[in-house]
Amino acid sequence: MATVVDLVRDRILSGAVEAGRPIRQDALAAELGVSKIPLREALARLEQEGLVRAEANRGFFVRALSASEAEEVYALRLKIEPDATAAAALSASEADREAAQAALGALERAIETQAADVGALNRAFHLALVRPAGRAVTSNIVAHLHVLSERYVRVHLAPSGRNERATQEHRELIAAWLARRAGIVSALTRDHIERTRDDLRRQLENGGESVVD
């Protein structure tokens, strides 16, 4: 069952809670069917995750997307994710391989139907390619980076044709992953992250540090 943290996080990542404005805690608590105490606890947790910020006497705000944060998040992904995905390809069990294929199938169906949970399913797919390595600390770091990058993924996929390109890159990546071709997996993961980062640079460069969603 989803926790209050999960529910609020999902709303932030989907853009349902607007960045740059105070979070209306009374309205959000009523929407979620919870009291303000667990909601405040959830917002404090999300502040630690880097999704919201607290201001004295003003409450919580969703952090705005920024070019500098995108650069930092994608630089960290590039340092960690290619090697982690390659290692997982070598150690994945049959159940892990089936789970990764199922995750990609769910993501592609969501893309086709323009479902609201595309970002979450994209995150689930990439984590399915990392977790079989059995590196708990690495997996947790990658998961956190994907939470931070999920709103950027939504911005990145907005232009026409991006979903098709991402789907093709995902298919090439999982084919190499299933074949346990670690070197190719690492290279494809790196290329996939770099292309997204480069697209975001172009999209965000005019907006600088401003909100882009």
N, C-alpha and C. Protein backbone atom coordinates (compact mmCIF):
# COMPACT_ATOMS: atom_id res chain seq x y z
N MET A 1 0.84 -1.20 0.00
CA MET A 1 0.00 0.00 0.00
C MET A 1 0.89 1.26 0.00
N ALA A 2 0.49 2.25 -0.83
CA ALA A 2 1.29 3.47 -0.94
C ALA A 2 1.22 4.26 0.37
N THR A 3 2.35 4.79 0.77
CA THR A 3 2.41 5.64 1.96
C THR A 3 2.09 7.08 1.58
N VAL A 4 1.93 7.93 2.60
CA VAL A 4 1.69 9.35 2.34
C VAL A 4 2.87 9.93 1.57
N VAL A 5 4.09 9.52 1.93
CA VAL A 5 5.28 10.00 1.21
C VAL A 5 5.18 9.64 -0.26
N ASP A 6 4.82 8.39 -0.55
CA ASP A 6 4.71 7.95 -1.94
C ASP A 6 3.66 8.76 -2.70
N LEU A 7 2.53 8.98 -2.06
CA LEU A 7 1.44 9.70 -2.73
C LEU A 7 1.82 11.14 -3.03
N VAL A 8 2.46 11.81 -2.07
CA VAL A 8 2.86 13.20 -2.31
C VAL A 8 3.98 13.25 -3.34
N ARG A 9 4.93 12.32 -3.24
CA ARG A 9 6.02 12.28 -4.21
C ARG A 9 5.47 12.12 -5.62
N ASP A 10 4.52 11.21 -5.79
CA ASP A 10 3.94 10.98 -7.12
C ASP A 10 3.29 12.24 -7.67
N ARG A 11 2.62 13.00 -6.81
CA ARG A 11 1.97 14.22 -7.27
C ARG A 11 2.99 15.28 -7.67
N ILE A 12 4.09 15.34 -6.94
CA ILE A 12 5.14 16.30 -7.28
C ILE A 12 5.80 15.91 -8.60
N LEU A 13 6.13 14.63 -8.74
CA LEU A 13 6.84 14.18 -9.94
C LEU A 13 5.97 14.30 -11.19
N SER A 14 4.66 14.18 -11.02
CA SER A 14 3.76 14.28 -12.17
C SER A 14 3.47 15.72 -12.55
N GLY A 15 3.86 16.67 -11.68
CA GLY A 15 3.57 18.07 -11.94
C GLY A 15 2.24 18.52 -11.39
N ALA A 16 1.51 17.62 -10.69
CA ALA A 16 0.20 17.98 -10.15
C ALA A 16 0.30 19.01 -9.04
N VAL A 17 1.44 19.02 -8.33
CA VAL A 17 1.70 20.05 -7.33
C VAL A 17 2.67 21.04 -7.94
N GLU A 18 2.25 22.26 -8.11
CA GLU A 18 3.02 23.23 -8.88
C GLU A 18 4.26 23.72 -8.14
N ALA A 19 5.35 23.83 -8.90
CA ALA A 19 6.60 24.33 -8.32
C ALA A 19 6.54 25.83 -8.11
N GLY A 20 7.25 26.30 -7.08
CA GLY A 20 7.40 27.72 -6.85
C GLY A 20 6.30 28.37 -6.05
N ARG A 21 5.25 27.64 -5.73
CA ARG A 21 4.17 28.18 -4.93
C ARG A 21 4.03 27.37 -3.65
N PRO A 22 3.53 27.99 -2.57
CA PRO A 22 3.38 27.24 -1.32
C PRO A 22 2.46 26.04 -1.52
N ILE A 23 2.83 24.92 -0.93
CA ILE A 23 1.97 23.74 -0.98
C ILE A 23 0.79 23.97 -0.04
N ARG A 24 -0.40 23.87 -0.54
CA ARG A 24 -1.60 24.08 0.26
C ARG A 24 -1.86 22.81 1.07
N GLN A 25 -1.33 22.80 2.28
CA GLN A 25 -1.35 21.58 3.08
C GLN A 25 -2.77 21.15 3.45
N ASP A 26 -3.65 22.09 3.75
CA ASP A 26 -5.03 21.72 4.09
C ASP A 26 -5.70 21.02 2.92
N ALA A 27 -5.55 21.61 1.74
CA ALA A 27 -6.19 21.03 0.55
C ALA A 27 -5.58 19.68 0.19
N LEU A 28 -4.25 19.59 0.29
CA LEU A 28 -3.58 18.34 -0.06
C LEU A 28 -3.92 17.24 0.94
N ALA A 29 -3.97 17.58 2.22
CA ALA A 29 -4.33 16.59 3.24
C ALA A 29 -5.75 16.07 2.99
N ALA A 30 -6.67 16.99 2.66
CA ALA A 30 -8.04 16.58 2.39
C ALA A 30 -8.11 15.69 1.15
N GLU A 31 -7.34 16.03 0.14
CA GLU A 31 -7.32 15.24 -1.09
C GLU A 31 -6.82 13.82 -0.83
N LEU A 32 -5.81 13.71 0.03
CA LEU A 32 -5.23 12.40 0.32
C LEU A 32 -5.99 11.65 1.40
N GLY A 33 -6.88 12.35 2.12
CA GLY A 33 -7.63 11.71 3.19
C GLY A 33 -6.80 11.44 4.42
N VAL A 34 -5.85 12.35 4.71
CA VAL A 34 -4.99 12.19 5.89
C VAL A 34 -5.02 13.48 6.70
N SER A 35 -4.49 13.42 7.93
CA SER A 35 -4.38 14.63 8.73
C SER A 35 -3.11 15.38 8.35
N LYS A 36 -2.97 16.59 8.89
CA LYS A 36 -1.82 17.40 8.52
C LYS A 36 -0.52 16.89 9.14
N ILE A 37 -0.60 16.13 10.24
CA ILE A 37 0.63 15.66 10.88
C ILE A 37 1.40 14.69 9.98
N PRO A 38 0.78 13.60 9.46
CA PRO A 38 1.53 12.73 8.54
C PRO A 38 1.91 13.44 7.25
N LEU A 39 1.11 14.42 6.82
CA LEU A 39 1.47 15.16 5.62
C LEU A 39 2.74 15.96 5.86
N ARG A 40 2.83 16.65 7.00
CA ARG A 40 4.04 17.42 7.31
C ARG A 40 5.25 16.49 7.42
N GLU A 41 5.06 15.32 7.99
CA GLU A 41 6.15 14.36 8.08
C GLU A 41 6.60 13.91 6.69
N ALA A 42 5.64 13.72 5.81
CA ALA A 42 5.97 13.34 4.44
C ALA A 42 6.73 14.45 3.73
N LEU A 43 6.30 15.69 3.92
CA LEU A 43 6.97 16.81 3.28
C LEU A 43 8.39 16.98 3.81
N ALA A 44 8.58 16.72 5.11
CA ALA A 44 9.94 16.78 5.67
C ALA A 44 10.82 15.72 5.03
N ARG A 45 10.27 14.54 4.83
CA ARG A 45 11.02 13.47 4.16
C ARG A 45 11.37 13.86 2.73
N LEU A 46 10.43 14.46 2.02
CA LEU A 46 10.66 14.86 0.64
C LEU A 46 11.64 16.04 0.55
N GLU A 47 11.72 16.83 1.62
CA GLU A 47 12.76 17.87 1.66
C GLU A 47 14.14 17.20 1.71
N GLN A 48 14.27 16.13 2.47
CA GLN A 48 15.54 15.40 2.51
C GLN A 48 15.87 14.79 1.16
N GLU A 49 14.84 14.41 0.41
CA GLU A 49 15.07 13.83 -0.92
C GLU A 49 15.40 14.88 -1.96
N GLY A 50 15.18 16.15 -1.63
CA GLY A 50 15.51 17.21 -2.56
C GLY A 50 14.38 17.65 -3.47
N LEU A 51 13.15 17.21 -3.18
CA LEU A 51 12.02 17.58 -4.02
C LEU A 51 11.31 18.84 -3.54
N VAL A 52 11.36 19.11 -2.25
CA VAL A 52 10.71 20.31 -1.73
C VAL A 52 11.69 21.08 -0.86
N ARG A 53 11.35 22.32 -0.58
CA ARG A 53 12.15 23.12 0.34
C ARG A 53 11.20 23.75 1.35
N ALA A 54 11.70 23.96 2.56
CA ALA A 54 10.91 24.60 3.62
C ALA A 54 11.40 26.03 3.81
N GLU A 55 10.46 26.94 3.97
CA GLU A 55 10.80 28.34 4.26
C GLU A 55 10.10 28.74 5.56
N ALA A 56 10.86 29.37 6.43
CA ALA A 56 10.31 29.78 7.73
C ALA A 56 9.08 30.65 7.55
N ASN A 57 8.03 30.30 8.27
CA ASN A 57 6.77 31.04 8.29
C ASN A 57 6.03 31.03 6.95
N ARG A 58 6.51 30.25 6.00
CA ARG A 58 5.84 30.21 4.69
C ARG A 58 5.44 28.79 4.29
N GLY A 59 6.02 27.80 4.92
CA GLY A 59 5.65 26.43 4.61
C GLY A 59 6.59 25.76 3.62
N PHE A 60 6.06 24.78 2.89
CA PHE A 60 6.85 23.99 1.94
C PHE A 60 6.54 24.40 0.52
N PHE A 61 7.58 24.32 -0.31
CA PHE A 61 7.47 24.63 -1.73
C PHE A 61 8.11 23.49 -2.53
N VAL A 62 7.52 23.16 -3.69
CA VAL A 62 8.18 22.24 -4.61
C VAL A 62 9.34 22.98 -5.24
N ARG A 63 10.50 22.37 -5.21
CA ARG A 63 11.67 23.02 -5.80
C ARG A 63 11.52 23.14 -7.31
N ALA A 64 11.91 24.29 -7.83
CA ALA A 64 11.85 24.52 -9.27
C ALA A 64 12.90 23.68 -9.99
N LEU A 65 12.58 23.30 -11.21
CA LEU A 65 13.58 22.65 -12.06
C LEU A 65 14.63 23.68 -12.45
N SER A 66 15.87 23.24 -12.57
CA SER A 66 16.92 24.18 -12.95
C SER A 66 17.98 23.48 -13.78
N ALA A 67 18.64 24.26 -14.62
CA ALA A 67 19.71 23.72 -15.46
C ALA A 67 20.84 23.18 -14.60
N SER A 68 21.17 23.86 -13.51
CA SER A 68 22.30 23.43 -12.68
C SER A 68 21.99 22.11 -11.98
N GLU A 69 20.76 21.93 -11.50
CA GLU A 69 20.42 20.67 -10.86
C GLU A 69 20.43 19.53 -11.87
N ALA A 70 19.89 19.78 -13.07
CA ALA A 70 19.90 18.75 -14.11
C ALA A 70 21.32 18.31 -14.42
N GLU A 71 22.23 19.27 -14.54
CA GLU A 71 23.63 18.93 -14.83
C GLU A 71 24.21 18.05 -13.73
N GLU A 72 23.93 18.40 -12.48
CA GLU A 72 24.48 17.64 -11.36
C GLU A 72 23.91 16.23 -11.31
N VAL A 73 22.59 16.12 -11.46
CA VAL A 73 21.95 14.81 -11.38
C VAL A 73 22.44 13.90 -12.50
N TYR A 74 22.51 14.42 -13.72
CA TYR A 74 22.91 13.57 -14.84
C TYR A 74 24.40 13.27 -14.81
N ALA A 75 25.20 14.17 -14.27
CA ALA A 75 26.63 13.87 -14.10
C ALA A 75 26.82 12.71 -13.13
N LEU A 76 26.04 12.71 -12.05
CA LEU A 76 26.14 11.62 -11.08
C LEU A 76 25.63 10.31 -11.67
N ARG A 77 24.56 10.37 -12.43
CA ARG A 77 24.08 9.16 -13.09
C ARG A 77 25.14 8.59 -14.03
N LEU A 78 25.84 9.45 -14.73
CA LEU A 78 26.87 8.99 -15.65
C LEU A 78 28.04 8.32 -14.92
N LYS A 79 28.31 8.78 -13.72
CA LYS A 79 29.40 8.18 -12.94
C LYS A 79 29.05 6.80 -12.39
N ILE A 80 27.78 6.57 -12.13
CA ILE A 80 27.37 5.37 -11.41
C ILE A 80 26.62 4.36 -12.28
N GLU A 81 25.66 4.85 -13.06
CA GLU A 81 24.69 3.95 -13.67
C GLU A 81 25.24 3.03 -14.76
N PRO A 82 26.12 3.50 -15.66
CA PRO A 82 26.60 2.58 -16.71
C PRO A 82 27.28 1.34 -16.15
N ASP A 83 28.18 1.51 -15.19
CA ASP A 83 28.87 0.35 -14.61
C ASP A 83 27.92 -0.52 -13.81
N ALA A 84 26.99 0.11 -13.09
CA ALA A 84 26.03 -0.66 -12.29
C ALA A 84 25.12 -1.50 -13.17
N THR A 85 24.67 -0.94 -14.28
CA THR A 85 23.81 -1.67 -15.20
C THR A 85 24.56 -2.82 -15.85
N ALA A 86 25.82 -2.58 -16.21
CA ALA A 86 26.64 -3.63 -16.81
C ALA A 86 26.87 -4.77 -15.83
N ALA A 87 27.16 -4.44 -14.57
CA ALA A 87 27.38 -5.47 -13.56
C ALA A 87 26.12 -6.30 -13.34
N ALA A 88 24.97 -5.62 -13.35
CA ALA A 88 23.71 -6.33 -13.16
C ALA A 88 23.42 -7.29 -14.30
N ALA A 89 23.80 -6.91 -15.51
CA ALA A 89 23.58 -7.79 -16.66
C ALA A 89 24.29 -9.12 -16.48
N LEU A 90 25.46 -9.09 -15.87
CA LEU A 90 26.25 -10.31 -15.69
C LEU A 90 25.72 -11.21 -14.58
N SER A 91 25.03 -10.63 -13.62
CA SER A 91 24.60 -11.41 -12.46
C SER A 91 23.10 -11.62 -12.38
N ALA A 92 22.34 -11.12 -13.35
CA ALA A 92 20.88 -11.21 -13.30
C ALA A 92 20.42 -12.67 -13.38
N SER A 93 19.47 -13.02 -12.53
CA SER A 93 18.85 -14.34 -12.58
C SER A 93 17.78 -14.36 -13.67
N GLU A 94 17.22 -15.53 -13.91
CA GLU A 94 16.15 -15.61 -14.89
C GLU A 94 14.96 -14.77 -14.45
N ALA A 95 14.68 -14.78 -13.16
CA ALA A 95 13.57 -13.96 -12.64
C ALA A 95 13.85 -12.47 -12.85
N ASP A 96 15.11 -12.06 -12.65
CA ASP A 96 15.49 -10.66 -12.87
C ASP A 96 15.30 -10.28 -14.34
N ARG A 97 15.65 -11.19 -15.22
CA ARG A 97 15.55 -10.92 -16.66
C ARG A 97 14.09 -10.78 -17.08
N GLU A 98 13.25 -11.65 -16.51
CA GLU A 98 11.82 -11.57 -16.81
C GLU A 98 11.23 -10.28 -16.26
N ALA A 99 11.68 -9.88 -15.07
CA ALA A 99 11.17 -8.65 -14.46
C ALA A 99 11.56 -7.43 -15.29
N ALA A 100 12.79 -7.42 -15.82
CA ALA A 100 13.24 -6.29 -16.64
C ALA A 100 12.43 -6.19 -17.93
N GLN A 101 12.15 -7.33 -18.54
CA GLN A 101 11.33 -7.32 -19.77
C GLN A 101 9.91 -6.86 -19.47
N ALA A 102 9.38 -7.31 -18.33
CA ALA A 102 8.03 -6.88 -17.95
C ALA A 102 7.99 -5.38 -17.68
N ALA A 103 9.06 -4.85 -17.05
CA ALA A 103 9.12 -3.41 -16.77
C ALA A 103 9.14 -2.61 -18.05
N LEU A 104 9.88 -3.08 -19.05
CA LEU A 104 9.92 -2.37 -20.33
C LEU A 104 8.55 -2.45 -21.02
N GLY A 105 7.91 -3.62 -20.96
CA GLY A 105 6.59 -3.75 -21.56
C GLY A 105 5.59 -2.79 -20.94
N ALA A 106 5.62 -2.67 -19.62
CA ALA A 106 4.70 -1.75 -18.94
C ALA A 106 4.99 -0.31 -19.33
N LEU A 107 6.26 0.04 -19.45
CA LEU A 107 6.63 1.40 -19.85
C LEU A 107 6.15 1.70 -21.27
N GLU A 108 6.35 0.77 -22.19
CA GLU A 108 5.94 1.01 -23.57
C GLU A 108 4.42 1.14 -23.70
N ARG A 109 3.69 0.33 -22.93
CA ARG A 109 2.22 0.46 -22.95
C ARG A 109 1.78 1.81 -22.41
N ALA A 110 2.46 2.29 -21.38
CA ALA A 110 2.13 3.60 -20.81
C ALA A 110 2.42 4.71 -21.80
N ILE A 111 3.53 4.58 -22.53
CA ILE A 111 3.87 5.57 -23.55
C ILE A 111 2.81 5.61 -24.65
N GLU A 112 2.38 4.42 -25.09
CA GLU A 112 1.39 4.34 -26.17
C GLU A 112 0.06 4.98 -25.77
N THR A 113 -0.31 4.83 -24.53
CA THR A 113 -1.59 5.37 -24.06
C THR A 113 -1.46 6.74 -23.41
N GLN A 114 -0.23 7.28 -23.39
CA GLN A 114 0.04 8.57 -22.77
C GLN A 114 -0.42 8.59 -21.32
N ALA A 115 -0.14 7.52 -20.61
CA ALA A 115 -0.54 7.40 -19.21
C ALA A 115 0.26 8.36 -18.34
N ALA A 116 -0.31 8.71 -17.20
CA ALA A 116 0.33 9.69 -16.31
C ALA A 116 1.55 9.13 -15.60
N ASP A 117 1.67 7.80 -15.54
CA ASP A 117 2.76 7.20 -14.78
C ASP A 117 3.95 6.81 -15.63
N VAL A 118 4.12 7.44 -16.79
CA VAL A 118 5.26 7.12 -17.66
C VAL A 118 6.58 7.34 -16.92
N GLY A 119 6.68 8.45 -16.19
CA GLY A 119 7.92 8.75 -15.49
C GLY A 119 8.26 7.69 -14.46
N ALA A 120 7.27 7.27 -13.68
CA ALA A 120 7.51 6.24 -12.67
C ALA A 120 7.88 4.92 -13.30
N LEU A 121 7.26 4.58 -14.43
CA LEU A 121 7.57 3.32 -15.10
C LEU A 121 8.94 3.37 -15.77
N ASN A 122 9.33 4.54 -16.24
CA ASN A 122 10.68 4.70 -16.78
C ASN A 122 11.71 4.46 -15.68
N ARG A 123 11.45 5.01 -14.51
CA ARG A 123 12.33 4.80 -13.36
C ARG A 123 12.38 3.32 -12.99
N ALA A 124 11.23 2.66 -12.98
CA ALA A 124 11.18 1.24 -12.62
C ALA A 124 11.97 0.39 -13.60
N PHE A 125 11.91 0.74 -14.87
CA PHE A 125 12.66 -0.02 -15.88
C PHE A 125 14.15 0.09 -15.64
N HIS A 126 14.63 1.31 -15.47
CA HIS A 126 16.07 1.49 -15.28
C HIS A 126 16.56 0.83 -13.98
N LEU A 127 15.75 0.89 -12.94
CA LEU A 127 16.15 0.24 -11.69
C LEU A 127 16.14 -1.28 -11.82
N ALA A 128 15.26 -1.80 -12.67
CA ALA A 128 15.24 -3.25 -12.91
C ALA A 128 16.52 -3.71 -13.59
N LEU A 129 17.21 -2.81 -14.27
CA LEU A 129 18.47 -3.13 -14.92
C LEU A 129 19.67 -2.95 -13.99
N VAL A 130 19.45 -2.35 -12.83
CA VAL A 130 20.54 -2.06 -11.89
C VAL A 130 20.53 -3.00 -10.68
N ARG A 131 19.36 -3.25 -10.13
CA ARG A 131 19.26 -3.97 -8.86
C ARG A 131 19.83 -5.39 -8.86
N PRO A 132 19.78 -6.14 -9.97
CA PRO A 132 20.32 -7.50 -9.93
C PRO A 132 21.81 -7.59 -9.62
N ALA A 133 22.53 -6.49 -9.66
CA ALA A 133 23.96 -6.53 -9.31
C ALA A 133 24.15 -6.82 -7.83
N GLY A 134 23.11 -6.62 -7.03
CA GLY A 134 23.20 -6.92 -5.61
C GLY A 134 23.99 -5.89 -4.81
N ARG A 135 24.13 -4.69 -5.36
CA ARG A 135 24.84 -3.61 -4.69
C ARG A 135 23.80 -2.68 -4.08
N ALA A 136 23.46 -2.91 -2.83
CA ALA A 136 22.34 -2.19 -2.21
C ALA A 136 22.58 -0.68 -2.15
N VAL A 137 23.79 -0.26 -1.77
CA VAL A 137 24.08 1.16 -1.66
C VAL A 137 23.99 1.83 -3.03
N THR A 138 24.59 1.18 -4.03
CA THR A 138 24.53 1.72 -5.39
C THR A 138 23.10 1.81 -5.88
N SER A 139 22.32 0.77 -5.65
CA SER A 139 20.92 0.77 -6.10
C SER A 139 20.13 1.90 -5.45
N ASN A 140 20.36 2.13 -4.16
CA ASN A 140 19.66 3.21 -3.46
C ASN A 140 20.04 4.58 -4.00
N ILE A 141 21.32 4.75 -4.32
CA ILE A 141 21.77 6.04 -4.89
C ILE A 141 21.14 6.25 -6.26
N VAL A 142 21.17 5.22 -7.08
CA VAL A 142 20.59 5.32 -8.42
C VAL A 142 19.09 5.61 -8.32
N ALA A 143 18.41 4.95 -7.38
CA ALA A 143 16.98 5.19 -7.20
C ALA A 143 16.72 6.65 -6.83
N HIS A 144 17.52 7.20 -5.94
CA HIS A 144 17.36 8.59 -5.54
C HIS A 144 17.60 9.53 -6.71
N LEU A 145 18.63 9.26 -7.50
CA LEU A 145 18.92 10.09 -8.67
C LEU A 145 17.78 10.03 -9.68
N HIS A 146 17.15 8.87 -9.81
CA HIS A 146 16.03 8.76 -10.75
C HIS A 146 14.81 9.51 -10.25
N VAL A 147 14.61 9.55 -8.93
CA VAL A 147 13.52 10.37 -8.40
C VAL A 147 13.76 11.83 -8.75
N LEU A 148 14.99 12.30 -8.56
CA LEU A 148 15.31 13.69 -8.85
C LEU A 148 15.23 14.00 -10.35
N SER A 149 15.53 13.02 -11.19
CA SER A 149 15.54 13.27 -12.63
C SER A 149 14.18 13.04 -13.28
N GLU A 150 13.22 12.48 -12.53
CA GLU A 150 11.96 12.11 -13.16
C GLU A 150 11.21 13.31 -13.73
N ARG A 151 11.20 14.43 -13.03
CA ARG A 151 10.52 15.61 -13.56
C ARG A 151 11.24 16.12 -14.81
N TYR A 152 12.57 15.96 -14.86
CA TYR A 152 13.31 16.36 -16.05
C TYR A 152 13.01 15.43 -17.22
N VAL A 153 12.80 14.15 -16.92
CA VAL A 153 12.43 13.20 -17.97
C VAL A 153 11.11 13.63 -18.60
N ARG A 154 10.17 14.08 -17.78
CA ARG A 154 8.88 14.52 -18.31
C ARG A 154 9.05 15.71 -19.25
N VAL A 155 9.91 16.64 -18.88
CA VAL A 155 10.21 17.79 -19.75
C VAL A 155 10.90 17.32 -21.02
N HIS A 156 11.84 16.38 -20.86
CA HIS A 156 12.62 15.90 -22.00
C HIS A 156 11.73 15.20 -23.03
N LEU A 157 10.73 14.45 -22.57
CA LEU A 157 9.90 13.67 -23.48
C LEU A 157 8.79 14.48 -24.13
N ALA A 158 8.63 15.74 -23.72
CA ALA A 158 7.54 16.55 -24.25
C ALA A 158 7.61 16.78 -25.76
N PRO A 159 8.77 17.11 -26.36
CA PRO A 159 8.81 17.34 -27.80
C PRO A 159 8.47 16.08 -28.60
N SER A 160 7.84 16.28 -29.74
CA SER A 160 7.45 15.17 -30.60
C SER A 160 8.66 14.34 -31.02
N GLY A 161 8.50 13.03 -31.00
CA GLY A 161 9.55 12.13 -31.45
C GLY A 161 10.46 11.63 -30.36
N ARG A 162 10.44 12.29 -29.20
CA ARG A 162 11.35 11.87 -28.12
C ARG A 162 10.97 10.49 -27.57
N ASN A 163 9.67 10.23 -27.44
CA ASN A 163 9.25 8.93 -26.91
C ASN A 163 9.71 7.80 -27.82
N GLU A 164 9.61 8.01 -29.13
CA GLU A 164 10.02 6.97 -30.06
C GLU A 164 11.52 6.70 -29.95
N ARG A 165 12.30 7.76 -29.83
CA ARG A 165 13.74 7.57 -29.70
C ARG A 165 14.10 6.87 -28.40
N ALA A 166 13.45 7.29 -27.31
CA ALA A 166 13.71 6.67 -26.01
C ALA A 166 13.35 5.19 -26.04
N THR A 167 12.22 4.85 -26.69
CA THR A 167 11.81 3.45 -26.78
C THR A 167 12.84 2.63 -27.54
N GLN A 168 13.35 3.16 -28.64
CA GLN A 168 14.36 2.44 -29.40
C GLN A 168 15.64 2.25 -28.58
N GLU A 169 16.05 3.28 -27.86
CA GLU A 169 17.25 3.16 -27.03
C GLU A 169 17.04 2.13 -25.92
N HIS A 170 15.86 2.11 -25.33
CA HIS A 170 15.56 1.13 -24.29
C HIS A 170 15.62 -0.30 -24.84
N ARG A 171 15.08 -0.49 -26.05
CA ARG A 171 15.09 -1.83 -26.64
C ARG A 171 16.51 -2.29 -26.95
N GLU A 172 17.33 -1.41 -27.45
CA GLU A 172 18.72 -1.77 -27.71
C GLU A 172 19.45 -2.09 -26.42
N LEU A 173 19.16 -1.32 -25.38
CA LEU A 173 19.82 -1.53 -24.09
C LEU A 173 19.43 -2.86 -23.48
N ILE A 174 18.14 -3.19 -23.47
CA ILE A 174 17.73 -4.44 -22.83
C ILE A 174 18.19 -5.65 -23.64
N ALA A 175 18.27 -5.51 -24.97
CA ALA A 175 18.77 -6.62 -25.78
C ALA A 175 20.21 -6.96 -25.39
N ALA A 176 21.05 -5.93 -25.23
CA ALA A 176 22.43 -6.16 -24.81
C ALA A 176 22.49 -6.68 -23.38
N TRP A 177 21.62 -6.17 -22.53
CA TRP A 177 21.58 -6.58 -21.12
C TRP A 177 21.20 -8.05 -21.00
N LEU A 178 20.20 -8.46 -21.76
CA LEU A 178 19.77 -9.87 -21.72
C LEU A 178 20.84 -10.79 -22.30
N ALA A 179 21.63 -10.28 -23.22
CA ALA A 179 22.71 -11.06 -23.82
C ALA A 179 23.97 -11.05 -22.97
N ARG A 180 23.92 -10.33 -21.84
CA ARG A 180 25.04 -10.22 -20.90
C ARG A 180 26.29 -9.63 -21.56
N ARG A 181 26.10 -8.71 -22.46
CA ARG A 181 27.22 -8.04 -23.14
C ARG A 181 27.54 -6.77 -22.35
N ALA A 182 28.28 -6.94 -21.27
CA ALA A 182 28.48 -5.88 -20.29
C ALA A 182 29.07 -4.61 -20.89
N GLY A 183 30.08 -4.75 -21.74
CA GLY A 183 30.70 -3.57 -22.33
C GLY A 183 29.72 -2.76 -23.16
N ILE A 184 28.90 -3.45 -23.94
CA ILE A 184 27.91 -2.75 -24.77
C ILE A 184 26.83 -2.14 -23.88
N VAL A 185 26.42 -2.85 -22.83
CA VAL A 185 25.43 -2.32 -21.89
C VAL A 185 25.92 -1.01 -21.29
N SER A 186 27.16 -0.99 -20.85
CA SER A 186 27.72 0.23 -20.25
C SER A 186 27.71 1.37 -21.25
N ALA A 187 28.15 1.09 -22.48
CA ALA A 187 28.21 2.14 -23.51
C ALA A 187 26.82 2.65 -23.87
N LEU A 188 25.85 1.74 -24.02
CA LEU A 188 24.50 2.16 -24.37
C LEU A 188 23.84 2.96 -23.25
N THR A 189 24.09 2.55 -22.02
CA THR A 189 23.54 3.31 -20.88
C THR A 189 24.12 4.70 -20.84
N ARG A 190 25.42 4.80 -21.05
CA ARG A 190 26.07 6.10 -21.06
C ARG A 190 25.51 6.98 -22.18
N ASP A 191 25.39 6.41 -23.38
CA ASP A 191 24.86 7.18 -24.51
C ASP A 191 23.43 7.66 -24.22
N HIS A 192 22.62 6.78 -23.65
CA HIS A 192 21.23 7.11 -23.35
C HIS A 192 21.13 8.28 -22.38
N ILE A 193 21.93 8.24 -21.32
CA ILE A 193 21.92 9.32 -20.33
C ILE A 193 22.47 10.61 -20.93
N GLU A 194 23.54 10.51 -21.70
CA GLU A 194 24.15 11.70 -22.29
C GLU A 194 23.21 12.39 -23.27
N ARG A 195 22.48 11.60 -24.07
CA ARG A 195 21.55 12.21 -25.02
C ARG A 195 20.44 12.96 -24.31
N THR A 196 19.93 12.36 -23.25
CA THR A 196 18.90 13.05 -22.48
C THR A 196 19.46 14.33 -21.86
N ARG A 197 20.65 14.24 -21.28
CA ARG A 197 21.29 15.43 -20.68
C ARG A 197 21.49 16.52 -21.73
N ASP A 198 21.97 16.16 -22.91
CA ASP A 198 22.23 17.15 -23.95
C ASP A 198 20.94 17.81 -24.42
N ASP A 199 19.88 17.02 -24.56
CA ASP A 199 18.58 17.59 -24.93
C ASP A 199 18.10 18.57 -23.87
N LEU A 200 18.25 18.18 -22.60
CA LEU A 200 17.82 19.05 -21.51
C LEU A 200 18.63 20.34 -21.48
N ARG A 201 19.92 20.26 -21.78
CA ARG A 201 20.73 21.48 -21.83
C ARG A 201 20.13 22.48 -22.81
N ARG A 202 19.76 21.98 -23.97
CA ARG A 202 19.19 22.87 -24.98
C ARG A 202 17.83 23.42 -24.54
N GLN A 203 17.04 22.56 -23.87
CA GLN A 203 15.71 23.00 -23.44
C GLN A 203 15.77 23.99 -22.29
N LEU A 204 16.76 23.83 -21.41
CA LEU A 204 16.82 24.66 -20.21
C LEU A 204 17.71 25.88 -20.34
N GLU A 205 18.54 25.92 -21.36
CA GLU A 205 19.56 26.99 -21.40
C GLU A 205 18.96 28.38 -21.46
N ASN A 206 17.79 28.50 -22.10
CA ASN A 206 17.17 29.83 -22.16
C ASN A 206 16.49 30.21 -20.84
N GLY A 207 16.05 29.16 -20.10
CA GLY A 207 15.34 29.43 -18.86
C GLY A 207 16.27 29.57 -17.67
N GLY A 208 17.52 29.12 -17.81
CA GLY A 208 18.48 29.21 -16.70
C GLY A 208 17.98 28.50 -15.48
N GLU A 209 17.86 29.23 -14.37
CA GLU A 209 17.46 28.63 -13.10
C GLU A 209 15.96 28.68 -12.87
N SER A 210 15.20 29.06 -13.90
CA SER A 210 13.78 29.27 -13.68
C SER A 210 12.99 27.96 -13.71
N VAL A 211 11.75 28.02 -13.27
CA VAL A 211 10.86 26.89 -13.33
C VAL A 211 10.55 26.61 -14.80
N VAL A 212 10.61 25.32 -15.18
CA VAL A 212 10.35 25.00 -16.58
C VAL A 212 9.12 24.11 -16.74
N ASP A 213 8.47 23.75 -15.66
CA ASP A 213 7.24 22.98 -15.83
C ASP A 213 6.06 23.87 -15.48
